[in-house]
């Protein structure tokens, strides 16, 4: 993707893991996803609006709280969309 100069790219980072790690905290895989996504954004000068996390939700279920919040932010144009 070719970035335009002086354009602020606002990203929403979405992380999901379908099985809970069982201790009530976020899974280590979620932390790894966050780390990789944040690193990419920093390296490419993207502003991170928010990190949306659904831990323990199946991808087959579209009624995921963080996913729906992400969609709301996209619809409100809080996050840039190039599609």
PDB file of N, CA and C in Angstrom:
ATOM      1  N   UNK A   1       0.846  -1.168   0.000  1.00  0.00           N
ATOM      2  CA  UNK A   1       0.000   0.000   0.000  1.00  0.00           C
ATOM      3  C   UNK A   1       0.896   1.238   0.000  1.00  0.00           C
ATOM      4  N   UNK A   2       0.627   2.156  -0.886  1.00  0.00           N
ATOM      5  CA  UNK A   2       1.376   3.405  -0.960  1.00  0.00           C
ATOM      6  C   UNK A   2       0.697   4.437  -0.073  1.00  0.00           C
ATOM      7  N   UNK A   3       1.451   4.982   0.875  1.00  0.00           N
ATOM      8  CA  UNK A   3       0.883   5.958   1.806  1.00  0.00           C
ATOM      9  C   UNK A   3       0.976   7.355   1.233  1.00  0.00           C
ATOM     10  N   UNK A   4      -0.082   8.108   1.401  1.00  0.00           N
ATOM     11  CA  UNK A   4      -0.071   9.515   1.015  1.00  0.00           C
ATOM     12  C   UNK A   4       0.640  10.317   2.090  1.00  0.00           C
ATOM     13  N   UNK A   5       1.422  11.314   1.668  1.00  0.00           N
ATOM     14  CA  UNK A   5       2.104  12.168   2.635  1.00  0.00           C
ATOM     15  C   UNK A   5       1.081  13.028   3.368  1.00  0.00           C
ATOM     16  N   UNK A   6       1.363  13.309   4.631  1.00  0.00           N
ATOM     17  CA  UNK A   6       0.528  14.161   5.480  1.00  0.00           C
ATOM     18  C   UNK A   6      -0.878  13.607   5.693  1.00  0.00           C
ATOM     19  N   UNK A   7      -1.072  12.338   5.511  1.00  0.00           N
ATOM     20  CA  UNK A   7      -2.369  11.712   5.746  1.00  0.00           C
ATOM     21  C   UNK A   7      -2.260  10.892   7.023  1.00  0.00           C
ATOM     22  N   UNK A   8      -3.196  11.061   7.931  1.00  0.00           N
ATOM     23  CA  UNK A   8      -3.174  10.316   9.184  1.00  0.00           C
ATOM     24  C   UNK A   8      -3.986   9.041   9.000  1.00  0.00           C
ATOM     25  N   UNK A   9      -3.296   7.929   9.119  1.00  0.00           N
ATOM     26  CA  UNK A   9      -3.965   6.638   9.052  1.00  0.00           C
ATOM     27  C   UNK A   9      -4.372   6.234  10.459  1.00  0.00           C
ATOM     28  N   UNK A  10      -5.679   6.106  10.678  1.00  0.00           N
ATOM     29  CA  UNK A  10      -6.211   5.730  11.989  1.00  0.00           C
ATOM     30  C   UNK A  10      -6.613   4.255  11.937  1.00  0.00           C
ATOM     31  N   UNK A  11      -5.947   3.457  12.759  1.00  0.00           N
ATOM     32  CA  UNK A  11      -6.155   2.016  12.738  1.00  0.00           C
ATOM     33  C   UNK A  11      -6.920   1.539  13.961  1.00  0.00           C
ATOM     34  N   UNK A  12      -7.731   0.529  13.758  1.00  0.00           N
ATOM     35  CA  UNK A  12      -8.362  -0.203  14.837  1.00  0.00           C
ATOM     36  C   UNK A  12      -7.771  -1.599  14.821  1.00  0.00           C
ATOM     37  N   UNK A  13      -7.167  -2.009  15.911  1.00  0.00           N
ATOM     38  CA  UNK A  13      -6.520  -3.312  15.976  1.00  0.00           C
ATOM     39  C   UNK A  13      -7.484  -4.317  16.591  1.00  0.00           C
ATOM     40  N   UNK A  14      -7.742  -5.393  15.852  1.00  0.00           N
ATOM     41  CA  UNK A  14      -8.683  -6.401  16.334  1.00  0.00           C
ATOM     42  C   UNK A  14      -7.950  -7.701  16.635  1.00  0.00           C
ATOM     43  N   UNK A  15      -8.142  -8.206  17.845  1.00  0.00           N
ATOM     44  CA  UNK A  15      -7.535  -9.464  18.283  1.00  0.00           C
ATOM     45  C   UNK A  15      -8.638 -10.382  18.782  1.00  0.00           C
ATOM     46  N   UNK A  16      -8.507 -11.677  18.431  1.00  0.00           N
ATOM     47  CA  UNK A  16      -9.515 -12.635  18.874  1.00  0.00           C
ATOM     48  C   UNK A  16      -8.859 -13.992  19.062  1.00  0.00           C
ATOM     49  N   UNK A  17      -9.295 -14.689  20.082  1.00  0.00           N
ATOM     50  CA  UNK A  17      -8.902 -16.071  20.305  1.00  0.00           C
ATOM     51  C   UNK A  17     -10.151 -16.817  20.719  1.00  0.00           C
ATOM     52  N   UNK A  18     -10.418 -17.928  20.060  1.00  0.00           N
ATOM     53  CA  UNK A  18     -11.698 -18.607  20.283  1.00  0.00           C
ATOM     54  C   UNK A  18     -11.762 -19.391  21.580  1.00  0.00           C
ATOM     55  N   UNK A  19     -10.627 -19.774  22.131  1.00  0.00           N
ATOM     56  CA  UNK A  19     -10.690 -20.528  23.389  1.00  0.00           C
ATOM     57  C   UNK A  19     -10.037 -19.722  24.497  1.00  0.00           C
ATOM     58  N   UNK A  20     -10.719 -19.646  25.616  1.00  0.00           N
ATOM     59  CA  UNK A  20     -10.232 -18.885  26.761  1.00  0.00           C
ATOM     60  C   UNK A  20      -9.096 -19.647  27.429  1.00  0.00           C
ATOM     61  N   UNK A  21      -8.149 -18.925  28.002  1.00  0.00           N
ATOM     62  CA  UNK A  21      -7.030 -19.596  28.663  1.00  0.00           C
ATOM     63  C   UNK A  21      -7.392 -20.098  30.054  1.00  0.00           C
ATOM     64  N   UNK A  22      -8.594 -19.801  30.522  1.00  0.00           N
ATOM     65  CA  UNK A  22      -9.096 -20.412  31.732  1.00  0.00           C
ATOM     66  C   UNK A  22      -8.815 -19.683  33.034  1.00  0.00           C
ATOM     67  N   UNK A  23      -8.050 -18.584  32.999  1.00  0.00           N
ATOM     68  CA  UNK A  23      -7.760 -17.934  34.276  1.00  0.00           C
ATOM     69  C   UNK A  23      -8.372 -16.542  34.396  1.00  0.00           C
ATOM     70  N   UNK A  24      -9.232 -16.181  33.467  1.00  0.00           N
ATOM     71  CA  UNK A  24      -9.925 -14.905  33.570  1.00  0.00           C
ATOM     72  C   UNK A  24      -9.141 -13.714  33.065  1.00  0.00           C
ATOM     73  N   UNK A  25      -7.922 -13.936  32.610  1.00  0.00           N
ATOM     74  CA  UNK A  25      -7.135 -12.849  32.025  1.00  0.00           C
ATOM     75  C   UNK A  25      -6.982 -13.099  30.538  1.00  0.00           C
ATOM     76  N   UNK A  26      -6.498 -12.098  29.814  1.00  0.00           N
ATOM     77  CA  UNK A  26      -6.322 -12.264  28.377  1.00  0.00           C
ATOM     78  C   UNK A  26      -5.273 -13.329  28.092  1.00  0.00           C
ATOM     79  N   UNK A  27      -5.499 -14.096  27.041  1.00  0.00           N
ATOM     80  CA  UNK A  27      -4.576 -15.146  26.654  1.00  0.00           C
ATOM     81  C   UNK A  27      -3.253 -14.566  26.186  1.00  0.00           C
ATOM     82  N   UNK A  28      -2.189 -15.355  26.360  1.00  0.00           N
ATOM     83  CA  UNK A  28      -0.882 -14.891  25.900  1.00  0.00           C
ATOM     84  C   UNK A  28      -0.882 -14.698  24.395  1.00  0.00           C
ATOM     85  N   UNK A  29      -1.691 -15.470  23.679  1.00  0.00           N
ATOM     86  CA  UNK A  29      -1.791 -15.299  22.230  1.00  0.00           C
ATOM     87  C   UNK A  29      -2.384 -13.934  21.880  1.00  0.00           C
ATOM     88  N   UNK A  30      -3.319 -13.472  22.669  1.00  0.00           N
ATOM     89  CA  UNK A  30      -3.891 -12.134  22.463  1.00  0.00           C
ATOM     90  C   UNK A  30      -2.794 -11.094  22.636  1.00  0.00           C
ATOM     91  N   UNK A  31      -1.985 -11.242  23.661  1.00  0.00           N
ATOM     92  CA  UNK A  31      -0.882 -10.302  23.889  1.00  0.00           C
ATOM     93  C   UNK A  31       0.092 -10.323  22.718  1.00  0.00           C
ATOM     94  N   UNK A  32       0.355 -11.504  22.165  1.00  0.00           N
ATOM     95  CA  UNK A  32       1.246 -11.613  21.006  1.00  0.00           C
ATOM     96  C   UNK A  32       0.631 -10.910  19.798  1.00  0.00           C
ATOM     97  N   UNK A  33      -0.668 -11.105  19.583  1.00  0.00           N
ATOM     98  CA  UNK A  33      -1.343 -10.427  18.478  1.00  0.00           C
ATOM     99  C   UNK A  33      -1.239  -8.920  18.628  1.00  0.00           C
ATOM    100  N   UNK A  34      -1.511  -8.423  19.839  1.00  0.00           N
ATOM    101  CA  UNK A  34      -1.434  -6.984  20.098  1.00  0.00           C
ATOM    102  C   UNK A  34      -0.034  -6.455  19.804  1.00  0.00           C
ATOM    103  N   UNK A  35       0.972  -7.168  20.291  1.00  0.00           N
ATOM    104  CA  UNK A  35       2.354  -6.739  20.120  1.00  0.00           C
ATOM    105  C   UNK A  35       2.712  -6.645  18.635  1.00  0.00           C
ATOM    106  N   UNK A  36       2.340  -7.651  17.860  1.00  0.00           N
ATOM    107  CA  UNK A  36       2.667  -7.662  16.436  1.00  0.00           C
ATOM    108  C   UNK A  36       1.936  -6.554  15.685  1.00  0.00           C
ATOM    109  N   UNK A  37       0.654  -6.358  15.992  1.00  0.00           N
ATOM    110  CA  UNK A  37      -0.122  -5.316  15.319  1.00  0.00           C
ATOM    111  C   UNK A  37       0.378  -3.923  15.680  1.00  0.00           C
ATOM    112  N   UNK A  38       0.681  -3.700  16.953  1.00  0.00           N
ATOM    113  CA  UNK A  38       1.196  -2.398  17.379  1.00  0.00           C
ATOM    114  C   UNK A  38       2.546  -2.113  16.724  1.00  0.00           C
ATOM    115  N   UNK A  39       3.398  -3.123  16.654  1.00  0.00           N
ATOM    116  CA  UNK A  39       4.714  -2.967  16.022  1.00  0.00           C
ATOM    117  C   UNK A  39       4.545  -2.547  14.566  1.00  0.00           C
ATOM    118  N   UNK A  40       3.636  -3.204  13.840  1.00  0.00           N
ATOM    119  CA  UNK A  40       3.384  -2.866  12.443  1.00  0.00           C
ATOM    120  C   UNK A  40       2.920  -1.413  12.318  1.00  0.00           C
ATOM    121  N   UNK A  41       2.001  -1.011  13.168  1.00  0.00           N
ATOM    122  CA  UNK A  41       1.477   0.356  13.111  1.00  0.00           C
ATOM    123  C   UNK A  41       2.564   1.389  13.401  1.00  0.00           C
ATOM    124  N   UNK A  42       3.390   1.119  14.387  1.00  0.00           N
ATOM    125  CA  UNK A  42       4.474   2.047  14.722  1.00  0.00           C
ATOM    126  C   UNK A  42       5.450   2.160  13.562  1.00  0.00           C
ATOM    127  N   UNK A  43       5.815   1.019  12.972  1.00  0.00           N
ATOM    128  CA  UNK A  43       6.766   1.014  11.853  1.00  0.00           C
ATOM    129  C   UNK A  43       6.220   1.725  10.624  1.00  0.00           C
ATOM    130  N   UNK A  44       4.897   1.785  10.492  1.00  0.00           N
ATOM    131  CA  UNK A  44       4.275   2.375   9.311  1.00  0.00           C
ATOM    132  C   UNK A  44       3.549   3.688   9.602  1.00  0.00           C
ATOM    133  N   UNK A  45       3.802   4.261  10.764  1.00  0.00           N
ATOM    134  CA  UNK A  45       3.240   5.559  11.152  1.00  0.00           C
ATOM    135  C   UNK A  45       1.713   5.592  11.139  1.00  0.00           C
ATOM    136  N   UNK A  46       1.096   4.536  11.635  1.00  0.00           N
ATOM    137  CA  UNK A  46      -0.357   4.507  11.783  1.00  0.00           C
ATOM    138  C   UNK A  46      -0.696   4.941  13.199  1.00  0.00           C
ATOM    139  N   UNK A  47      -1.710   5.774  13.339  1.00  0.00           N
ATOM    140  CA  UNK A  47      -2.231   6.140  14.648  1.00  0.00           C
ATOM    141  C   UNK A  47      -3.175   5.028  15.096  1.00  0.00           C
ATOM    142  N   UNK A  48      -2.976   4.505  16.290  1.00  0.00           N
ATOM    143  CA  UNK A  48      -3.837   3.438  16.803  1.00  0.00           C
ATOM    144  C   UNK A  48      -4.978   4.078  17.581  1.00  0.00           C
ATOM    145  N   UNK A  49      -6.169   4.014  17.004  1.00  0.00           N
ATOM    146  CA  UNK A  49      -7.352   4.568  17.663  1.00  0.00           C
ATOM    147  C   UNK A  49      -7.709   3.748  18.896  1.00  0.00           C
ATOM    148  N   UNK A  50      -7.738   2.421  18.719  1.00  0.00           N
ATOM    149  CA  UNK A  50      -8.135   1.558  19.823  1.00  0.00           C
ATOM    150  C   UNK A  50      -7.729   0.127  19.499  1.00  0.00           C
ATOM    151  N   UNK A  51      -7.689  -0.695  20.534  1.00  0.00           N
ATOM    152  CA  UNK A  51      -7.441  -2.125  20.383  1.00  0.00           C
ATOM    153  C   UNK A  51      -8.712  -2.833  20.824  1.00  0.00           C
ATOM    154  N   UNK A  52      -9.250  -3.656  19.953  1.00  0.00           N
ATOM    155  CA  UNK A  52     -10.515  -4.351  20.180  1.00  0.00           C
ATOM    156  C   UNK A  52     -10.191  -5.827  20.416  1.00  0.00           C
ATOM    157  N   UNK A  53     -10.599  -6.359  21.559  1.00  0.00           N
ATOM    158  CA  UNK A  53     -10.235  -7.725  21.927  1.00  0.00           C
ATOM    159  C   UNK A  53     -11.476  -8.544  22.269  1.00  0.00           C
ATOM    160  N   UNK A  54     -11.607  -9.661  21.582  1.00  0.00           N
ATOM    161  CA  UNK A  54     -12.629 -10.663  21.897  1.00  0.00           C
ATOM    162  C   UNK A  54     -11.899 -11.958  22.212  1.00  0.00           C
ATOM    163  N   UNK A  55     -11.706 -12.230  23.480  1.00  0.00           N
ATOM    164  CA  UNK A  55     -11.022 -13.444  23.923  1.00  0.00           C
ATOM    165  C   UNK A  55     -12.072 -14.450  24.356  1.00  0.00           C
ATOM    166  N   UNK A  56     -12.051 -15.618  23.757  1.00  0.00           N
ATOM    167  CA  UNK A  56     -13.004 -16.657  24.113  1.00  0.00           C
ATOM    168  C   UNK A  56     -14.251 -16.678  23.235  1.00  0.00           C
ATOM    169  N   UNK A  57     -14.229 -15.951  22.115  1.00  0.00           N
ATOM    170  CA  UNK A  57     -15.375 -15.911  21.206  1.00  0.00           C
ATOM    171  C   UNK A  57     -15.035 -16.630  19.909  1.00  0.00           C
ATOM    172  N   UNK A  58     -15.970 -17.409  19.419  1.00  0.00           N
ATOM    173  CA  UNK A  58     -15.810 -18.113  18.155  1.00  0.00           C
ATOM    174  C   UNK A  58     -15.923 -17.130  16.997  1.00  0.00           C
ATOM    175  N   UNK A  59     -15.122 -17.349  15.971  1.00  0.00           N
ATOM    176  CA  UNK A  59     -15.206 -16.536  14.769  1.00  0.00           C
ATOM    177  C   UNK A  59     -16.498 -16.777  14.001  1.00  0.00           C
ATOM    178  N   UNK A  60     -17.171 -17.870  14.295  1.00  0.00           N
ATOM    179  CA  UNK A  60     -18.447 -18.157  13.641  1.00  0.00           C
ATOM    180  C   UNK A  60     -19.570 -17.314  14.206  1.00  0.00           C
ATOM    181  N   UNK A  61     -19.353 -16.755  15.379  1.00  0.00           N
ATOM    182  CA  UNK A  61     -20.345 -15.909  16.037  1.00  0.00           C
ATOM    183  C   UNK A  61     -20.022 -14.445  15.727  1.00  0.00           C
ATOM    184  N   UNK A  62     -20.893 -13.776  14.989  1.00  0.00           N
ATOM    185  CA  UNK A  62     -20.652 -12.366  14.650  1.00  0.00           C
ATOM    186  C   UNK A  62     -21.135 -11.411  15.734  1.00  0.00           C
ATOM    187  N   UNK A  63     -21.727 -11.951  16.771  1.00  0.00           N
ATOM    188  CA  UNK A  63     -22.194 -11.127  17.884  1.00  0.00           C
ATOM    189  C   UNK A  63     -21.113 -11.099  18.971  1.00  0.00           C
ATOM    190  N   UNK A  64     -19.974 -10.487  18.604  1.00  0.00           N
ATOM    191  CA  UNK A  64     -18.847 -10.361  19.520  1.00  0.00           C
ATOM    192  C   UNK A  64     -18.748  -8.892  19.926  1.00  0.00           C
ATOM    193  N   UNK A  65     -18.657  -8.586  21.205  1.00  0.00           N
ATOM    194  CA  UNK A  65     -18.696  -7.197  21.675  1.00  0.00           C
ATOM    195  C   UNK A  65     -17.638  -6.293  21.042  1.00  0.00           C
ATOM    196  N   UNK A  66     -16.389  -6.701  21.048  1.00  0.00           N
ATOM    197  CA  UNK A  66     -15.331  -5.839  20.511  1.00  0.00           C
ATOM    198  C   UNK A  66     -15.440  -5.713  18.994  1.00  0.00           C
ATOM    199  N   UNK A  67     -15.825  -6.797  18.332  1.00  0.00           N
ATOM    200  CA  UNK A  67     -16.011  -6.767  16.882  1.00  0.00           C
ATOM    201  C   UNK A  67     -17.099  -5.767  16.505  1.00  0.00           C
ATOM    202  N   UNK A  68     -18.197  -5.784  17.245  1.00  0.00           N
ATOM    203  CA  UNK A  68     -19.291  -4.847  16.974  1.00  0.00           C
ATOM    204  C   UNK A  68     -18.886  -3.409  17.271  1.00  0.00           C
ATOM    205  N   UNK A  69     -18.068  -3.208  18.286  1.00  0.00           N
ATOM    206  CA  UNK A  69     -17.571  -1.862  18.598  1.00  0.00           C
ATOM    207  C   UNK A  69     -16.645  -1.368  17.487  1.00  0.00           C
ATOM    208  N   UNK A  70     -15.822  -2.282  16.955  1.00  0.00           N
ATOM    209  CA  UNK A  70     -14.951  -1.954  15.815  1.00  0.00           C
ATOM    210  C   UNK A  70     -15.786  -1.543  14.608  1.00  0.00           C
ATOM    211  N   UNK A  71     -16.825  -2.320  14.295  1.00  0.00           N
ATOM    212  CA  UNK A  71     -17.699  -1.984  13.163  1.00  0.00           C
ATOM    213  C   UNK A  71     -18.359  -0.623  13.363  1.00  0.00           C
ATOM    214  N   UNK A  72     -18.773  -0.327  14.581  1.00  0.00           N
ATOM    215  CA  UNK A  72     -19.367   0.982  14.880  1.00  0.00           C
ATOM    216  C   UNK A  72     -18.367   2.101  14.608  1.00  0.00           C
ATOM    217  N   UNK A  73     -17.117   1.920  15.033  1.00  0.00           N
ATOM    218  CA  UNK A  73     -16.100   2.951  14.797  1.00  0.00           C
ATOM    219  C   UNK A  73     -15.795   3.117  13.317  1.00  0.00           C
ATOM    220  N   UNK A  74     -15.860   2.036  12.553  1.00  0.00           N
ATOM    221  CA  UNK A  74     -15.668   2.137  11.106  1.00  0.00           C
ATOM    222  C   UNK A  74     -16.822   2.922  10.486  1.00  0.00           C
ATOM    223  N   UNK A  75     -18.051   2.586  10.878  1.00  0.00           N
ATOM    224  CA  UNK A  75     -19.220   3.283  10.345  1.00  0.00           C
ATOM    225  C   UNK A  75     -19.206   4.770  10.691  1.00  0.00           C
ATOM    226  N   UNK A  76     -18.696   5.107  11.874  1.00  0.00           N
ATOM    227  CA  UNK A  76     -18.606   6.509  12.300  1.00  0.00           C
ATOM    228  C   UNK A  76     -17.402   7.220  11.678  1.00  0.00           C
ATOM    229  N   UNK A  77     -16.615   6.468  10.883  1.00  0.00           N
ATOM    230  CA  UNK A  77     -15.414   6.978  10.221  1.00  0.00           C
ATOM    231  C   UNK A  77     -14.346   7.413  11.216  1.00  0.00           C
ATOM    232  N   UNK A  78     -14.360   6.810  12.400  1.00  0.00           N
ATOM    233  CA  UNK A  78     -13.284   7.034  13.358  1.00  0.00           C
ATOM    234  C   UNK A  78     -12.022   6.305  12.935  1.00  0.00           C
ATOM    235  N   UNK A  79     -12.199   5.272  12.116  1.00  0.00           N
ATOM    236  CA  UNK A  79     -11.102   4.474  11.565  1.00  0.00           C
ATOM    237  C   UNK A  79     -11.135   4.647  10.064  1.00  0.00           C
ATOM    238  N   UNK A  80      -9.948   4.815   9.473  1.00  0.00           N
ATOM    239  CA  UNK A  80      -9.869   4.946   8.023  1.00  0.00           C
ATOM    240  C   UNK A  80     -10.181   3.604   7.365  1.00  0.00           C
ATOM    241  N   UNK A  81     -10.860   3.665   6.262  1.00  0.00           N
ATOM    242  CA  UNK A  81     -11.128   2.476   5.477  1.00  0.00           C
ATOM    243  C   UNK A  81     -10.739   2.761   4.038  1.00  0.00           C
ATOM    244  N   UNK A  82      -9.904   1.888   3.478  1.00  0.00           N
ATOM    245  CA  UNK A  82      -9.494   2.071   2.083  1.00  0.00           C
ATOM    246  C   UNK A  82     -10.219   1.118   1.171  1.00  0.00           C
ATOM    247  N   UNK A  83     -11.220   0.420   1.711  1.00  0.00           N
ATOM    248  CA  UNK A  83     -11.957  -0.543   0.912  1.00  0.00           C
ATOM    249  C   UNK A  83     -13.289   0.025   0.501  1.00  0.00           C
TER     250      UNK A  83
END
